[in-house]
Protein backbone atom coordinates (compact mmCIF):
# COMPACT_ATOMS: atom_id res chain seq x y z
CA UNK A 1 25.21 -23.89 -21.11
CA UNK A 2 22.13 -21.70 -21.48
CA UNK A 3 18.72 -23.19 -21.85
CA UNK A 4 17.58 -22.78 -25.47
CA UNK A 5 14.05 -21.85 -24.39
CA UNK A 6 15.37 -19.06 -22.16
CA UNK A 7 17.57 -17.69 -24.95
CA UNK A 8 14.63 -17.76 -27.36
CA UNK A 9 12.37 -16.00 -24.84
CA UNK A 10 14.94 -13.25 -24.28
CA UNK A 11 15.44 -12.74 -28.00
CA UNK A 12 11.67 -12.51 -28.55
CA UNK A 13 11.41 -9.87 -25.82
CA UNK A 14 14.29 -7.96 -27.36
CA UNK A 15 12.60 -8.03 -30.78
CA UNK A 16 9.37 -6.73 -29.24
CA UNK A 17 11.27 -3.89 -27.53
CA UNK A 18 13.07 -2.90 -30.73
CA UNK A 19 9.81 -2.93 -32.71
CA UNK A 20 8.32 -0.55 -30.14
CA UNK A 21 11.31 1.75 -30.44
CA UNK A 22 11.01 1.74 -34.23
CA UNK A 23 7.32 2.66 -34.01
CA UNK A 24 8.11 5.49 -31.59
CA UNK A 25 10.74 6.82 -34.00
CA UNK A 26 8.25 6.70 -36.88
CA UNK A 27 5.75 8.72 -34.87
CA UNK A 28 8.45 11.18 -33.80
CA UNK A 29 9.41 11.64 -37.46
CA UNK A 30 5.77 12.41 -38.25
CA UNK A 31 5.74 15.01 -35.49
CA UNK A 32 8.82 16.66 -36.91
CA UNK A 33 7.22 16.81 -40.37
CA UNK A 34 3.85 18.06 -39.08
CA UNK A 35 3.33 21.76 -39.73
CA UNK A 36 -0.29 22.44 -38.89
CA UNK A 37 -2.11 20.36 -36.26
CA UNK A 38 0.21 17.80 -34.66
CA UNK A 39 -2.43 16.74 -32.08
CA UNK A 40 -3.41 13.43 -33.78
CA UNK A 41 0.25 12.45 -34.16
CA UNK A 42 0.95 13.36 -30.53
CA UNK A 43 -1.92 11.13 -29.43
CA UNK A 44 -0.42 8.25 -31.41
CA UNK A 45 2.99 8.89 -29.83
CA UNK A 46 1.45 8.87 -26.36
CA UNK A 47 -0.18 5.52 -27.14
CA UNK A 48 3.11 4.05 -28.38
CA UNK A 49 4.96 5.26 -25.31
CA UNK A 50 2.32 3.78 -22.97
CA UNK A 51 2.71 0.38 -24.62
CA UNK A 52 6.42 0.29 -23.82
């Protein structure tokens, strides 16, 4: 039987990973919509990718 604390820790890490992926997708969507100067959005994407 798995230790409940270990299962909880793994699930919390998985949630953190998925939240990071969602944020990266949001930034990517902004980049795709950006028509003029995408530099600020690219900087945000770089920050999100560094966090992962």
